[in-house]
Amino acid sequence: MVKLYDGQITDIIPEVLQREDKVKALSFVFRNQTRKLLDRAASELIYPAVDQLDDDVLDFLAIELQTQHYDQTYTTEQKRELIKGTLVWYVKAGTKWAVEDLAQTVFGPGTRVVEAAADTALKPYEFDIRVPTSVESTELAEFDDTVADAKNARSHLRSVYRYQEMRMNLYAFTAAAKTAKFMTASIKAEEE
């Protein structure tokens, strides 16, 4: 199989025409121009190379793409993740997924959006964001303005709070069967 970079017109035409000098010359010219075009296209690929770009280029790229929720004070890794998510966030703006993805990008894994449900004290269209305890208080205060762009207009952020996950083993014994059954449960303690 011939690769596009090495392909020529003579690869696809009948043998009778392949022997003509004019056809060979035309094929050679088209191959060289195609190579120049492919080389130029490869050098222009910035979006796929986001993981190799430095902070200055990331800042300019964020302006060019109009990256939502972008802040120049974020770490380089956070900036890269925000730029990678730009196009997806435009498509999914206003959804729980967009708010949760933004929160996880800024605060790290373990961040969750809790919406109003029967077992929560939240009113309809209210939500909370739970972040790990390792997050600084100053980061939480600045995040309120950032999340306003990601959420839909009718929803309201009630609070952003830290939580700590704790695990312990619980042991249960059954007397009737005279055998011990062990259960492990995960208990989460939330602090507001």
N, C-alpha and C. Protein backbone atom coordinates (compact mmCIF):
# COMPACT_ATOMS: atom_id res chain seq x y z
N MET A 1 0.83 -1.17 0.00
CA MET A 1 0.00 0.00 0.00
C MET A 1 0.88 1.24 0.00
N VAL A 2 0.52 2.20 -0.80
CA VAL A 2 1.29 3.42 -0.93
C VAL A 2 0.77 4.44 0.07
N LYS A 3 1.69 5.07 0.79
CA LYS A 3 1.30 6.11 1.74
C LYS A 3 1.07 7.42 0.99
N LEU A 4 0.21 8.26 1.55
CA LEU A 4 -0.12 9.53 0.91
C LEU A 4 1.13 10.37 0.69
N TYR A 5 2.06 10.35 1.63
CA TYR A 5 3.27 11.15 1.52
C TYR A 5 4.13 10.71 0.33
N ASP A 6 4.13 9.42 0.00
CA ASP A 6 4.96 8.90 -1.08
C ASP A 6 4.19 8.66 -2.38
N GLY A 7 2.89 8.88 -2.35
CA GLY A 7 2.05 8.57 -3.51
C GLY A 7 2.29 9.49 -4.70
N GLN A 8 2.11 8.93 -5.88
CA GLN A 8 2.23 9.69 -7.11
C GLN A 8 1.05 9.34 -8.01
N ILE A 9 0.83 10.18 -9.01
CA ILE A 9 -0.25 9.92 -9.96
C ILE A 9 0.03 8.63 -10.73
N THR A 10 1.28 8.36 -10.97
CA THR A 10 1.63 7.15 -11.74
C THR A 10 1.27 5.87 -11.01
N ASP A 11 0.98 5.96 -9.72
CA ASP A 11 0.58 4.77 -8.95
C ASP A 11 -0.85 4.34 -9.26
N ILE A 12 -1.65 5.24 -9.83
CA ILE A 12 -3.06 4.92 -10.03
C ILE A 12 -3.52 4.96 -11.48
N ILE A 13 -2.63 5.24 -12.40
CA ILE A 13 -3.05 5.29 -13.81
C ILE A 13 -2.54 4.05 -14.55
N PRO A 14 -3.10 3.75 -15.71
CA PRO A 14 -2.67 2.56 -16.48
C PRO A 14 -1.19 2.64 -16.88
N GLU A 15 -0.59 1.48 -17.08
CA GLU A 15 0.83 1.40 -17.42
C GLU A 15 1.18 2.11 -18.71
N VAL A 16 0.27 2.13 -19.63
CA VAL A 16 0.53 2.79 -20.92
C VAL A 16 0.83 4.26 -20.70
N LEU A 17 0.10 4.89 -19.80
CA LEU A 17 0.31 6.32 -19.53
C LEU A 17 1.51 6.56 -18.59
N GLN A 18 1.85 5.57 -17.80
CA GLN A 18 2.96 5.72 -16.86
C GLN A 18 4.29 5.93 -17.58
N ARG A 19 4.40 5.44 -18.80
CA ARG A 19 5.67 5.54 -19.54
C ARG A 19 5.88 6.90 -20.21
N GLU A 20 4.86 7.71 -20.29
CA GLU A 20 4.96 9.02 -20.93
C GLU A 20 5.79 9.97 -20.08
N ASP A 21 6.70 10.69 -20.70
CA ASP A 21 7.57 11.62 -19.98
C ASP A 21 6.78 12.76 -19.34
N LYS A 22 5.77 13.25 -20.03
CA LYS A 22 4.98 14.36 -19.49
C LYS A 22 4.20 13.91 -18.25
N VAL A 23 3.71 12.68 -18.29
CA VAL A 23 2.96 12.15 -17.15
C VAL A 23 3.90 11.94 -15.96
N LYS A 24 5.11 11.45 -16.21
CA LYS A 24 6.09 11.27 -15.15
C LYS A 24 6.44 12.61 -14.51
N ALA A 25 6.63 13.64 -15.34
CA ALA A 25 6.97 14.97 -14.83
C ALA A 25 5.82 15.54 -14.00
N LEU A 26 4.60 15.40 -14.49
CA LEU A 26 3.44 15.89 -13.77
C LEU A 26 3.27 15.15 -12.43
N SER A 27 3.49 13.86 -12.45
CA SER A 27 3.39 13.05 -11.24
C SER A 27 4.43 13.49 -10.20
N PHE A 28 5.65 13.73 -10.67
CA PHE A 28 6.73 14.18 -9.79
C PHE A 28 6.39 15.53 -9.15
N VAL A 29 5.87 16.46 -9.93
CA VAL A 29 5.51 17.79 -9.42
C VAL A 29 4.39 17.69 -8.39
N PHE A 30 3.35 16.89 -8.68
CA PHE A 30 2.26 16.73 -7.73
C PHE A 30 2.73 16.09 -6.43
N ARG A 31 3.62 15.11 -6.52
CA ARG A 31 4.13 14.47 -5.30
C ARG A 31 4.89 15.47 -4.44
N ASN A 32 5.73 16.29 -5.04
CA ASN A 32 6.51 17.28 -4.29
C ASN A 32 5.61 18.33 -3.64
N GLN A 33 4.60 18.77 -4.37
CA GLN A 33 3.68 19.77 -3.80
C GLN A 33 2.83 19.17 -2.68
N THR A 34 2.43 17.92 -2.83
CA THR A 34 1.67 17.23 -1.78
C THR A 34 2.53 17.09 -0.53
N ARG A 35 3.80 16.76 -0.70
CA ARG A 35 4.71 16.65 0.44
C ARG A 35 4.86 17.98 1.16
N LYS A 36 5.00 19.07 0.41
CA LYS A 36 5.11 20.39 1.03
C LYS A 36 3.85 20.73 1.83
N LEU A 37 2.71 20.41 1.26
CA LEU A 37 1.44 20.68 1.93
C LEU A 37 1.31 19.87 3.22
N LEU A 38 1.66 18.58 3.16
CA LEU A 38 1.58 17.73 4.34
C LEU A 38 2.59 18.15 5.42
N ASP A 39 3.80 18.56 5.01
CA ASP A 39 4.80 19.04 5.97
C ASP A 39 4.31 20.32 6.66
N ARG A 40 3.72 21.20 5.89
CA ARG A 40 3.20 22.46 6.45
C ARG A 40 2.06 22.19 7.43
N ALA A 41 1.17 21.28 7.06
CA ALA A 41 0.05 20.95 7.92
C ALA A 41 0.53 20.34 9.24
N ALA A 42 1.54 19.49 9.19
CA ALA A 42 2.08 18.87 10.41
C ALA A 42 2.72 19.90 11.33
N SER A 43 3.34 20.93 10.76
CA SER A 43 3.99 21.94 11.60
C SER A 43 2.99 22.91 12.22
N GLU A 44 1.78 22.95 11.71
CA GLU A 44 0.75 23.86 12.21
C GLU A 44 -0.13 23.25 13.29
N LEU A 45 0.09 22.02 13.65
CA LEU A 45 -0.76 21.34 14.61
C LEU A 45 -0.39 21.75 16.03
N ILE A 46 -1.10 22.70 16.58
CA ILE A 46 -0.83 23.15 17.94
C ILE A 46 -1.72 22.41 18.92
N TYR A 47 -2.98 22.26 18.60
CA TYR A 47 -3.93 21.66 19.54
C TYR A 47 -3.51 20.26 19.99
N PRO A 48 -3.05 19.38 19.09
CA PRO A 48 -2.60 18.06 19.56
C PRO A 48 -1.31 18.11 20.38
N ALA A 49 -0.57 19.22 20.29
CA ALA A 49 0.71 19.33 21.00
C ALA A 49 0.58 20.11 22.30
N VAL A 50 -0.60 20.21 22.86
CA VAL A 50 -0.83 20.99 24.08
C VAL A 50 0.06 20.51 25.22
N ASP A 51 0.32 19.22 25.31
CA ASP A 51 1.12 18.69 26.42
C ASP A 51 2.59 19.10 26.35
N GLN A 52 3.06 19.62 25.23
CA GLN A 52 4.45 20.05 25.11
C GLN A 52 4.61 21.57 25.16
N LEU A 53 3.52 22.32 25.21
CA LEU A 53 3.60 23.78 25.17
C LEU A 53 3.93 24.35 26.54
N ASP A 54 4.62 25.50 26.54
CA ASP A 54 4.94 26.16 27.81
C ASP A 54 3.82 27.14 28.19
N ASP A 55 3.94 27.76 29.35
CA ASP A 55 2.87 28.59 29.90
C ASP A 55 2.49 29.77 29.00
N ASP A 56 3.48 30.43 28.41
CA ASP A 56 3.17 31.59 27.58
C ASP A 56 2.32 31.22 26.37
N VAL A 57 2.69 30.14 25.72
CA VAL A 57 1.93 29.68 24.55
C VAL A 57 0.54 29.21 24.99
N LEU A 58 0.46 28.54 26.13
CA LEU A 58 -0.84 28.10 26.64
C LEU A 58 -1.76 29.29 26.90
N ASP A 59 -1.19 30.37 27.45
CA ASP A 59 -2.00 31.56 27.71
C ASP A 59 -2.55 32.15 26.41
N PHE A 60 -1.72 32.23 25.38
CA PHE A 60 -2.18 32.75 24.09
C PHE A 60 -3.20 31.82 23.44
N LEU A 61 -2.97 30.53 23.56
CA LEU A 61 -3.90 29.56 22.98
C LEU A 61 -5.26 29.63 23.69
N ALA A 62 -5.25 29.84 24.99
CA ALA A 62 -6.51 29.97 25.73
C ALA A 62 -7.29 31.21 25.27
N ILE A 63 -6.58 32.28 24.97
CA ILE A 63 -7.24 33.49 24.45
C ILE A 63 -7.82 33.19 23.07
N GLU A 64 -7.04 32.54 22.24
CA GLU A 64 -7.48 32.22 20.87
C GLU A 64 -8.72 31.32 20.87
N LEU A 65 -8.73 30.31 21.73
CA LEU A 65 -9.85 29.38 21.79
C LEU A 65 -11.00 29.89 22.67
N GLN A 66 -10.77 31.01 23.34
CA GLN A 66 -11.73 31.56 24.30
C GLN A 66 -12.09 30.50 25.34
N THR A 67 -11.06 29.93 25.93
CA THR A 67 -11.23 28.87 26.92
C THR A 67 -11.98 29.39 28.14
N GLN A 68 -13.05 28.71 28.46
CA GLN A 68 -13.84 29.10 29.62
C GLN A 68 -13.07 28.81 30.90
N HIS A 69 -13.32 29.59 31.92
CA HIS A 69 -12.81 29.33 33.27
C HIS A 69 -11.28 29.34 33.36
N TYR A 70 -10.62 29.95 32.41
CA TYR A 70 -9.16 29.93 32.37
C TYR A 70 -8.61 31.04 33.26
N ASP A 71 -7.56 30.73 33.99
CA ASP A 71 -6.91 31.71 34.85
C ASP A 71 -5.41 31.52 34.71
N GLN A 72 -4.68 32.59 34.50
CA GLN A 72 -3.24 32.49 34.30
C GLN A 72 -2.49 32.06 35.55
N THR A 73 -3.14 32.10 36.69
CA THR A 73 -2.48 31.69 37.94
C THR A 73 -2.53 30.18 38.16
N TYR A 74 -3.29 29.45 37.34
CA TYR A 74 -3.35 28.00 37.49
C TYR A 74 -2.00 27.37 37.14
N THR A 75 -1.81 26.15 37.59
CA THR A 75 -0.59 25.43 37.26
C THR A 75 -0.59 25.08 35.78
N THR A 76 0.57 24.73 35.26
CA THR A 76 0.68 24.38 33.84
C THR A 76 -0.21 23.20 33.50
N GLU A 77 -0.26 22.22 34.37
CA GLU A 77 -1.11 21.04 34.10
C GLU A 77 -2.59 21.41 34.09
N GLN A 78 -3.01 22.27 35.00
CA GLN A 78 -4.40 22.71 35.01
C GLN A 78 -4.73 23.49 33.74
N LYS A 79 -3.81 24.33 33.30
CA LYS A 79 -4.03 25.09 32.06
C LYS A 79 -4.19 24.15 30.87
N ARG A 80 -3.35 23.13 30.80
CA ARG A 80 -3.43 22.18 29.69
C ARG A 80 -4.78 21.45 29.69
N GLU A 81 -5.23 21.03 30.86
CA GLU A 81 -6.51 20.32 30.94
C GLU A 81 -7.67 21.23 30.57
N LEU A 82 -7.61 22.49 30.96
CA LEU A 82 -8.66 23.43 30.60
C LEU A 82 -8.71 23.65 29.09
N ILE A 83 -7.56 23.79 28.46
CA ILE A 83 -7.52 24.00 27.01
C ILE A 83 -8.02 22.75 26.29
N LYS A 84 -7.65 21.58 26.77
CA LYS A 84 -8.12 20.34 26.13
C LYS A 84 -9.64 20.20 26.22
N GLY A 85 -10.22 20.71 27.30
CA GLY A 85 -11.66 20.57 27.50
C GLY A 85 -12.49 21.68 26.87
N THR A 86 -11.85 22.66 26.26
CA THR A 86 -12.56 23.82 25.75
C THR A 86 -13.71 23.46 24.81
N LEU A 87 -13.43 22.70 23.78
CA LEU A 87 -14.46 22.39 22.78
C LEU A 87 -15.59 21.55 23.36
N VAL A 88 -15.26 20.62 24.23
CA VAL A 88 -16.28 19.77 24.85
C VAL A 88 -17.16 20.62 25.77
N TRP A 89 -16.56 21.56 26.49
CA TRP A 89 -17.34 22.40 27.41
C TRP A 89 -18.30 23.31 26.65
N TYR A 90 -17.91 23.75 25.46
CA TYR A 90 -18.84 24.55 24.67
C TYR A 90 -20.06 23.71 24.28
N VAL A 91 -19.84 22.46 23.99
CA VAL A 91 -20.94 21.59 23.59
C VAL A 91 -21.84 21.25 24.79
N LYS A 92 -21.25 21.02 25.95
CA LYS A 92 -22.00 20.56 27.12
C LYS A 92 -22.21 21.65 28.17
N ALA A 93 -22.11 22.89 27.78
CA ALA A 93 -22.27 23.99 28.73
C ALA A 93 -23.64 23.95 29.39
N GLY A 94 -23.68 24.23 30.68
CA GLY A 94 -24.93 24.27 31.42
C GLY A 94 -25.38 22.95 32.00
N THR A 95 -24.59 21.91 31.86
CA THR A 95 -24.98 20.60 32.39
C THR A 95 -24.19 20.29 33.67
N LYS A 96 -24.68 19.31 34.42
CA LYS A 96 -23.98 18.88 35.63
C LYS A 96 -22.59 18.37 35.26
N TRP A 97 -22.49 17.68 34.13
CA TRP A 97 -21.20 17.15 33.69
C TRP A 97 -20.18 18.28 33.52
N ALA A 98 -20.60 19.39 32.91
CA ALA A 98 -19.67 20.50 32.67
C ALA A 98 -19.17 21.09 33.98
N VAL A 99 -20.07 21.25 34.94
CA VAL A 99 -19.68 21.81 36.25
C VAL A 99 -18.74 20.84 36.97
N GLU A 100 -19.07 19.55 36.96
CA GLU A 100 -18.24 18.57 37.65
C GLU A 100 -16.88 18.41 36.98
N ASP A 101 -16.84 18.42 35.66
CA ASP A 101 -15.57 18.31 34.95
C ASP A 101 -14.68 19.51 35.23
N LEU A 102 -15.27 20.70 35.25
CA LEU A 102 -14.51 21.91 35.58
C LEU A 102 -13.97 21.81 37.01
N ALA A 103 -14.81 21.41 37.95
CA ALA A 103 -14.38 21.31 39.35
C ALA A 103 -13.27 20.27 39.51
N GLN A 104 -13.37 19.15 38.81
CA GLN A 104 -12.33 18.13 38.90
C GLN A 104 -11.03 18.60 38.27
N THR A 105 -11.11 19.40 37.22
CA THR A 105 -9.91 19.94 36.59
C THR A 105 -9.20 20.90 37.53
N VAL A 106 -9.96 21.72 38.22
CA VAL A 106 -9.36 22.73 39.12
C VAL A 106 -8.92 22.13 40.45
N PHE A 107 -9.76 21.27 41.06
CA PHE A 107 -9.49 20.77 42.42
C PHE A 107 -8.95 19.35 42.45
N GLY A 108 -8.98 18.64 41.36
CA GLY A 108 -8.44 17.29 41.32
C GLY A 108 -9.51 16.22 41.49
N PRO A 109 -9.09 14.96 41.39
CA PRO A 109 -10.05 13.86 41.51
C PRO A 109 -10.68 13.82 42.90
N GLY A 110 -11.86 13.26 42.97
CA GLY A 110 -12.57 13.20 44.24
C GLY A 110 -13.56 14.33 44.41
N THR A 111 -13.55 15.28 43.48
CA THR A 111 -14.49 16.40 43.53
C THR A 111 -15.81 15.95 42.93
N ARG A 112 -16.92 16.27 43.60
CA ARG A 112 -18.25 15.84 43.15
C ARG A 112 -19.24 16.99 43.22
N VAL A 113 -20.22 16.96 42.33
CA VAL A 113 -21.34 17.89 42.37
C VAL A 113 -22.52 17.15 42.97
N VAL A 114 -23.13 17.71 44.01
CA VAL A 114 -24.28 17.11 44.67
C VAL A 114 -25.50 17.96 44.35
N GLU A 115 -26.46 17.37 43.65
CA GLU A 115 -27.67 18.10 43.27
C GLU A 115 -28.79 17.82 44.26
N ALA A 116 -29.86 18.61 44.15
CA ALA A 116 -31.02 18.44 45.01
C ALA A 116 -31.63 17.06 44.78
N ALA A 117 -31.93 16.37 45.87
CA ALA A 117 -32.57 15.06 45.81
C ALA A 117 -33.38 14.89 47.09
N ALA A 118 -34.13 13.81 47.17
CA ALA A 118 -34.99 13.57 48.34
C ALA A 118 -34.18 13.45 49.63
N ASP A 119 -32.96 12.94 49.54
CA ASP A 119 -32.17 12.71 50.75
C ASP A 119 -31.21 13.86 51.07
N THR A 120 -31.32 14.98 50.39
CA THR A 120 -30.46 16.12 50.69
C THR A 120 -31.31 17.30 51.14
N ALA A 121 -30.70 18.27 51.77
CA ALA A 121 -31.41 19.46 52.25
C ALA A 121 -31.47 20.54 51.18
N LEU A 122 -31.08 20.21 49.98
CA LEU A 122 -31.05 21.19 48.90
C LEU A 122 -32.44 21.41 48.32
N LYS A 123 -32.70 22.63 47.92
CA LYS A 123 -33.95 22.96 47.23
C LYS A 123 -33.77 22.63 45.74
N PRO A 124 -34.86 22.55 44.99
CA PRO A 124 -34.72 22.31 43.55
C PRO A 124 -33.84 23.37 42.90
N TYR A 125 -33.03 22.94 41.99
CA TYR A 125 -32.10 23.78 41.22
C TYR A 125 -30.95 24.34 42.06
N GLU A 126 -30.70 23.76 43.23
CA GLU A 126 -29.52 24.11 44.01
C GLU A 126 -28.55 22.94 43.94
N PHE A 127 -27.28 23.24 44.09
CA PHE A 127 -26.28 22.18 44.13
C PHE A 127 -25.11 22.60 45.00
N ASP A 128 -24.41 21.62 45.52
CA ASP A 128 -23.19 21.82 46.29
C ASP A 128 -22.04 21.17 45.54
N ILE A 129 -20.85 21.62 45.81
CA ILE A 129 -19.65 20.99 45.26
C ILE A 129 -18.80 20.53 46.43
N ARG A 130 -18.52 19.22 46.47
CA ARG A 130 -17.67 18.63 47.50
C ARG A 130 -16.26 18.50 46.95
N VAL A 131 -15.29 19.03 47.69
CA VAL A 131 -13.89 18.95 47.27
C VAL A 131 -13.09 18.28 48.37
N PRO A 132 -11.95 17.67 48.02
CA PRO A 132 -11.11 17.05 49.05
C PRO A 132 -10.57 18.08 50.04
N THR A 133 -10.21 17.63 51.23
CA THR A 133 -9.72 18.54 52.28
C THR A 133 -8.39 19.19 51.92
N SER A 134 -7.69 18.66 50.96
CA SER A 134 -6.39 19.22 50.58
C SER A 134 -6.51 20.56 49.85
N VAL A 135 -7.70 20.95 49.46
CA VAL A 135 -7.91 22.19 48.72
C VAL A 135 -7.83 23.38 49.67
N GLU A 136 -7.13 24.42 49.24
CA GLU A 136 -6.98 25.63 50.06
C GLU A 136 -8.27 26.45 50.07
N SER A 137 -8.50 27.18 51.16
CA SER A 137 -9.70 28.02 51.29
C SER A 137 -9.72 29.14 50.26
N THR A 138 -8.55 29.68 49.91
CA THR A 138 -8.51 30.76 48.92
C THR A 138 -8.96 30.26 47.55
N GLU A 139 -8.63 29.01 47.22
CA GLU A 139 -9.07 28.45 45.95
C GLU A 139 -10.59 28.32 45.91
N LEU A 140 -11.19 27.96 47.03
CA LEU A 140 -12.64 27.81 47.09
C LEU A 140 -13.34 29.14 46.87
N ALA A 141 -12.82 30.20 47.46
CA ALA A 141 -13.44 31.52 47.33
C ALA A 141 -13.40 32.02 45.89
N GLU A 142 -12.31 31.78 45.20
CA GLU A 142 -12.18 32.23 43.81
C GLU A 142 -13.01 31.39 42.84
N PHE A 143 -13.36 30.19 43.24
CA PHE A 143 -14.06 29.28 42.34
C PHE A 143 -15.52 29.67 42.12
N ASP A 144 -16.13 30.40 43.03
CA ASP A 144 -17.53 30.79 42.88
C ASP A 144 -17.78 31.54 41.57
N ASP A 145 -16.89 32.47 41.22
CA ASP A 145 -17.06 33.21 39.97
C ASP A 145 -16.84 32.33 38.76
N THR A 146 -15.93 31.38 38.86
CA THR A 146 -15.62 30.50 37.74
C THR A 146 -16.77 29.58 37.40
N VAL A 147 -17.43 29.03 38.41
CA VAL A 147 -18.50 28.07 38.17
C VAL A 147 -19.75 28.74 37.59
N ALA A 148 -19.89 30.04 37.76
CA ALA A 148 -21.06 30.74 37.24
C ALA A 148 -21.18 30.60 35.72
N ASP A 149 -20.08 30.52 35.02
CA ASP A 149 -20.12 30.37 33.57
C ASP A 149 -20.43 28.95 33.12
N ALA A 150 -20.12 27.97 33.94
CA ALA A 150 -20.30 26.57 33.55
C ALA A 150 -21.71 26.06 33.83
N LYS A 151 -22.36 26.58 34.85
CA LYS A 151 -23.68 26.08 35.23
C LYS A 151 -24.76 26.68 34.34
N ASN A 152 -25.96 26.10 34.40
CA ASN A 152 -27.06 26.69 33.65
C ASN A 152 -27.63 27.86 34.44
N ALA A 153 -28.46 28.68 33.80
CA ALA A 153 -28.93 29.92 34.41
C ALA A 153 -29.86 29.68 35.59
N ARG A 154 -30.63 28.62 35.59
CA ARG A 154 -31.61 28.41 36.65
C ARG A 154 -31.02 27.80 37.92
N SER A 155 -29.86 27.15 37.81
CA SER A 155 -29.26 26.50 38.98
C SER A 155 -28.43 27.48 39.79
N HIS A 156 -28.35 27.20 41.08
CA HIS A 156 -27.62 28.08 41.98
C HIS A 156 -26.68 27.25 42.85
N LEU A 157 -25.45 27.71 42.94
CA LEU A 157 -24.46 27.06 43.80
C LEU A 157 -24.72 27.48 45.24
N ARG A 158 -25.05 26.52 46.09
CA ARG A 158 -25.31 26.83 47.50
C ARG A 158 -24.00 26.95 48.26
N SER A 159 -23.11 25.96 48.11
CA SER A 159 -21.84 26.02 48.82
C SER A 159 -20.81 25.09 48.18
N VAL A 160 -19.57 25.44 48.43
CA VAL A 160 -18.44 24.58 48.07
C VAL A 160 -17.80 24.21 49.40
N TYR A 161 -17.75 22.92 49.68
CA TYR A 161 -17.22 22.51 50.99
C TYR A 161 -16.25 21.35 50.83
N ARG A 162 -15.40 21.24 51.85
CA ARG A 162 -14.39 20.17 51.88
C ARG A 162 -14.94 18.97 52.63
N TYR A 163 -14.50 17.81 52.21
CA TYR A 163 -14.90 16.60 52.91
C TYR A 163 -13.68 15.70 53.03
N GLN A 164 -13.75 14.82 54.01
CA GLN A 164 -12.67 13.86 54.21
C GLN A 164 -13.29 12.47 54.24
N GLU A 165 -12.72 11.59 53.51
CA GLU A 165 -13.23 10.23 53.45
C GLU A 165 -12.49 9.39 54.49
N MET A 166 -13.26 8.69 55.30
CA MET A 166 -12.67 7.83 56.32
C MET A 166 -13.18 6.41 56.09
N ARG A 167 -12.34 5.45 56.31
CA ARG A 167 -12.73 4.06 56.14
C ARG A 167 -12.47 3.30 57.44
N MET A 168 -13.36 2.40 57.75
CA MET A 168 -13.13 1.54 58.92
C MET A 168 -13.79 0.19 58.65
N ASN A 169 -13.31 -0.82 59.30
CA ASN A 169 -13.87 -2.16 59.16
C ASN A 169 -14.90 -2.39 60.25
N LEU A 170 -16.04 -2.91 59.87
CA LEU A 170 -17.07 -3.30 60.82
C LEU A 170 -17.19 -4.81 60.79
N TYR A 171 -17.32 -5.41 61.95
CA TYR A 171 -17.44 -6.85 62.03
C TYR A 171 -18.81 -7.19 62.61
N ALA A 172 -19.53 -8.10 61.96
CA ALA A 172 -20.85 -8.51 62.45
C ALA A 172 -20.83 -10.02 62.67
N PHE A 173 -21.44 -10.46 63.75
CA PHE A 173 -21.47 -11.88 64.07
C PHE A 173 -22.93 -12.33 64.15
N THR A 174 -23.20 -13.49 63.64
CA THR A 174 -24.56 -14.04 63.77
C THR A 174 -24.52 -15.17 64.78
N ALA A 175 -25.37 -15.09 65.78
CA ALA A 175 -25.40 -16.08 66.84
C ALA A 175 -26.19 -17.31 66.42
N ALA A 176 -27.22 -17.12 65.62
CA ALA A 176 -28.09 -18.23 65.24
C ALA A 176 -27.34 -19.28 64.43
N ALA A 177 -26.51 -18.84 63.53
CA ALA A 177 -25.80 -19.78 62.67
C ALA A 177 -24.48 -20.22 63.29
N LYS A 178 -24.08 -19.60 64.40
CA LYS A 178 -22.84 -19.90 65.10
C LYS A 178 -21.61 -19.73 64.19
N THR A 179 -21.75 -18.87 63.21
CA THR A 179 -20.61 -18.57 62.34
C THR A 179 -20.45 -17.06 62.29
N ALA A 180 -19.24 -16.64 62.11
CA ALA A 180 -18.98 -15.20 62.07
C ALA A 180 -18.94 -14.76 60.60
N LYS A 181 -19.62 -13.71 60.34
CA LYS A 181 -19.59 -13.12 59.00
C LYS A 181 -18.93 -11.75 59.13
N PHE A 182 -18.07 -11.50 58.23
CA PHE A 182 -17.36 -10.23 58.26
C PHE A 182 -17.87 -9.34 57.14
N MET A 183 -18.11 -8.13 57.47
CA MET A 183 -18.53 -7.16 56.46
C MET A 183 -17.60 -5.95 56.56
N THR A 184 -17.32 -5.42 55.44
CA THR A 184 -16.52 -4.19 55.43
C THR A 184 -17.40 -3.07 54.86
N ALA A 185 -17.46 -2.01 55.57
CA ALA A 185 -18.27 -0.89 55.11
C ALA A 185 -17.41 0.36 55.03
N SER A 186 -17.77 1.20 54.17
CA SER A 186 -17.06 2.45 53.98
C SER A 186 -17.91 3.57 54.57
N ILE A 187 -17.34 4.30 55.47
CA ILE A 187 -18.08 5.38 56.11
C ILE A 187 -17.43 6.70 55.71
N LYS A 188 -18.23 7.58 55.26
CA LYS A 188 -17.72 8.88 54.86
C LYS A 188 -18.23 9.94 55.83
N ALA A 189 -17.33 10.71 56.33
CA ALA A 189 -17.71 11.81 57.21
C ALA A 189 -17.54 13.11 56.44
N GLU A 190 -18.54 13.89 56.43
CA GLU A 190 -18.46 15.15 55.70
C GLU A 190 -18.37 16.30 56.70
N GLU A 191 -17.53 17.24 56.36
CA GLU A 191 -17.46 18.42 57.19
C GLU A 191 -17.84 19.62 56.34
N GLU A 192 -18.55 20.46 56.88
CA GLU A 192 -18.94 21.65 56.14
C GLU A 192 -18.21 22.85 56.64
